[in-house]
């Protein structure tokens, strides 16, 4: 069942990207503490670093490089809380 308010961060254990994934998870949980139903960290391999909202990939390191928290927050917000202001993260320079 697709929960459109569930976020998953899949990270490469071989690359030791857990700290990066955990930091991003903390940023998302702080920003969307009432909007998200779950945030999961999923160990992976092969250089993976992917952020999903429900079943939708909103960020893939292989295509977009490592994300800035602002970009991921905007992508998540657009799916779980459209219209929610993100403060300075919504400035035109951040898009």
C-alpha atoms as a PDB file:
ATOM      1  CA  UNK A   1       0.000   0.000   0.000  1.00  0.00           C
ATOM      2  CA  UNK A   2       1.393   3.376  -1.037  1.00  0.00           C
ATOM      3  CA  UNK A   3       1.453   5.860   1.816  1.00  0.00           C
ATOM      4  CA  UNK A   4       2.021   9.232   0.208  1.00  0.00           C
ATOM      5  CA  UNK A   5       3.140  10.682   3.554  1.00  0.00           C
ATOM      6  CA  UNK A   6       5.894   8.101   4.114  1.00  0.00           C
ATOM      7  CA  UNK A   7       9.449   9.117   3.232  1.00  0.00           C
ATOM      8  CA  UNK A   8      12.248   6.638   2.616  1.00  0.00           C
ATOM      9  CA  UNK A   9      15.932   7.432   2.274  1.00  0.00           C
ATOM     10  CA  UNK A  10      17.891   4.572   0.737  1.00  0.00           C
ATOM     11  CA  UNK A  11      21.635   4.964   1.255  1.00  0.00           C
ATOM     12  CA  UNK A  12      24.771   2.991   0.383  1.00  0.00           C
ATOM     13  CA  UNK A  13      26.263   1.133   3.342  1.00  0.00           C
ATOM     14  CA  UNK A  14      29.431   0.393   1.360  1.00  0.00           C
ATOM     15  CA  UNK A  15      30.000   4.132   0.913  1.00  0.00           C
ATOM     16  CA  UNK A  16      29.251   4.801   4.594  1.00  0.00           C
ATOM     17  CA  UNK A  17      26.505   7.285   3.777  1.00  0.00           C
ATOM     18  CA  UNK A  18      24.431   6.547   6.902  1.00  0.00           C
ATOM     19  CA  UNK A  19      25.462   9.830   8.619  1.00  0.00           C
ATOM     20  CA  UNK A  20      24.374  11.815   5.543  1.00  0.00           C
ATOM     21  CA  UNK A  21      21.059   9.921   5.363  1.00  0.00           C
ATOM     22  CA  UNK A  22      20.428  10.331   9.094  1.00  0.00           C
ATOM     23  CA  UNK A  23      21.149  14.061   8.926  1.00  0.00           C
ATOM     24  CA  UNK A  24      18.740  14.490   6.011  1.00  0.00           C
ATOM     25  CA  UNK A  25      16.136  12.426   7.878  1.00  0.00           C
ATOM     26  CA  UNK A  26      16.490  14.715  10.885  1.00  0.00           C
ATOM     27  CA  UNK A  27      16.026  17.784   8.690  1.00  0.00           C
ATOM     28  CA  UNK A  28      12.859  16.330   7.151  1.00  0.00           C
ATOM     29  CA  UNK A  29      11.406  15.172  10.471  1.00  0.00           C
ATOM     30  CA  UNK A  30      12.012  18.594  12.006  1.00  0.00           C
ATOM     31  CA  UNK A  31      10.346  20.385   9.094  1.00  0.00           C
ATOM     32  CA  UNK A  32       7.431  17.973   8.597  1.00  0.00           C
ATOM     33  CA  UNK A  33       6.882  16.616  12.106  1.00  0.00           C
ATOM     34  CA  UNK A  34       3.083  16.647  11.799  1.00  0.00           C
ATOM     35  CA  UNK A  35       2.770  15.926   8.065  1.00  0.00           C
ATOM     36  CA  UNK A  36       4.780  12.701   7.767  1.00  0.00           C
ATOM     37  CA  UNK A  37       3.459   9.337   8.914  1.00  0.00           C
ATOM     38  CA  UNK A  38       6.866   7.645   8.752  1.00  0.00           C
ATOM     39  CA  UNK A  39      10.462   8.233   7.740  1.00  0.00           C
ATOM     40  CA  UNK A  40      12.562   5.159   7.032  1.00  0.00           C
ATOM     41  CA  UNK A  41      16.281   4.696   6.475  1.00  0.00           C
ATOM     42  CA  UNK A  42      16.875   1.800   4.087  1.00  0.00           C
ATOM     43  CA  UNK A  43      20.370   0.319   3.742  1.00  0.00           C
ATOM     44  CA  UNK A  44      21.451  -0.281   0.156  1.00  0.00           C
ATOM     45  CA  UNK A  45      24.535  -0.946  -1.961  1.00  0.00           C
ATOM     46  CA  UNK A  46      26.239   0.243  -5.099  1.00  0.00           C
ATOM     47  CA  UNK A  47      26.397   3.965  -4.411  1.00  0.00           C
ATOM     48  CA  UNK A  48      22.657   4.413  -3.976  1.00  0.00           C
ATOM     49  CA  UNK A  49      21.238   7.539  -2.335  1.00  0.00           C
ATOM     50  CA  UNK A  50      17.553   7.854  -3.190  1.00  0.00           C
ATOM     51  CA  UNK A  51      14.736   9.738  -1.480  1.00  0.00           C
ATOM     52  CA  UNK A  52      11.188   8.499  -2.026  1.00  0.00           C
ATOM     53  CA  UNK A  53       7.820   9.882  -0.979  1.00  0.00           C
ATOM     54  CA  UNK A  54       5.440   6.958  -1.068  1.00  0.00           C
ATOM     55  CA  UNK A  55       6.501   5.054  -4.179  1.00  0.00           C
ATOM     56  CA  UNK A  56       7.740   8.142  -6.027  1.00  0.00           C
ATOM     57  CA  UNK A  57      11.448   8.883  -6.342  1.00  0.00           C
ATOM     58  CA  UNK A  58      11.930  12.584  -5.583  1.00  0.00           C
ATOM     59  CA  UNK A  59      15.733  12.562  -5.513  1.00  0.00           C
ATOM     60  CA  UNK A  60      18.316  10.191  -6.998  1.00  0.00           C
ATOM     61  CA  UNK A  61      22.008  10.893  -6.460  1.00  0.00           C
ATOM     62  CA  UNK A  62      22.911   9.140  -9.712  1.00  0.00           C
ATOM     63  CA  UNK A  63      20.878  11.637 -11.728  1.00  0.00           C
ATOM     64  CA  UNK A  64      20.977  14.761  -9.573  1.00  0.00           C
ATOM     65  CA  UNK A  65      24.035  14.485  -7.327  1.00  0.00           C
ATOM     66  CA  UNK A  66      23.841  14.752  -3.559  1.00  0.00           C
ATOM     67  CA  UNK A  67      20.863  16.837  -2.501  1.00  0.00           C
ATOM     68  CA  UNK A  68      20.888  20.024  -0.549  1.00  0.00           C
ATOM     69  CA  UNK A  69      18.332  19.754   2.259  1.00  0.00           C
ATOM     70  CA  UNK A  70      16.393  22.706   0.814  1.00  0.00           C
ATOM     71  CA  UNK A  71      15.796  20.924  -2.499  1.00  0.00           C
ATOM     72  CA  UNK A  72      14.586  17.745  -0.789  1.00  0.00           C
ATOM     73  CA  UNK A  73      12.368  19.710   1.602  1.00  0.00           C
ATOM     74  CA  UNK A  74      10.727  21.446  -1.351  1.00  0.00           C
ATOM     75  CA  UNK A  75      10.173  18.131  -3.175  1.00  0.00           C
ATOM     76  CA  UNK A  76       8.699  16.511  -0.059  1.00  0.00           C
ATOM     77  CA  UNK A  77       6.580  19.570   0.757  1.00  0.00           C
ATOM     78  CA  UNK A  78       5.107  19.620  -2.745  1.00  0.00           C
ATOM     79  CA  UNK A  79       3.852  16.069  -2.170  1.00  0.00           C
ATOM     80  CA  UNK A  80       2.850  15.959   1.512  1.00  0.00           C
ATOM     81  CA  UNK A  81       1.995  19.557   2.425  1.00  0.00           C
ATOM     82  CA  UNK A  82       1.457  21.764  -0.641  1.00  0.00           C
ATOM     83  CA  UNK A  83       1.333  25.381   0.364  1.00  0.00           C
ATOM     84  CA  UNK A  84       3.324  24.884   3.582  1.00  0.00           C
ATOM     85  CA  UNK A  85       5.797  27.761   3.867  1.00  0.00           C
ATOM     86  CA  UNK A  86       9.406  26.716   4.308  1.00  0.00           C
ATOM     87  CA  UNK A  87      10.712  30.119   5.350  1.00  0.00           C
ATOM     88  CA  UNK A  88      14.058  30.994   3.814  1.00  0.00           C
ATOM     89  CA  UNK A  89      14.052  27.657   1.945  1.00  0.00           C
ATOM     90  CA  UNK A  90      11.384  29.075  -0.357  1.00  0.00           C
ATOM     91  CA  UNK A  91      13.500  31.941  -1.665  1.00  0.00           C
ATOM     92  CA  UNK A  92      13.841  32.058  -5.475  1.00  0.00           C
ATOM     93  CA  UNK A  93      17.573  31.375  -5.197  1.00  0.00           C
ATOM     94  CA  UNK A  94      16.802  28.063  -3.462  1.00  0.00           C
ATOM     95  CA  UNK A  95      14.799  26.667  -6.384  1.00  0.00           C
END
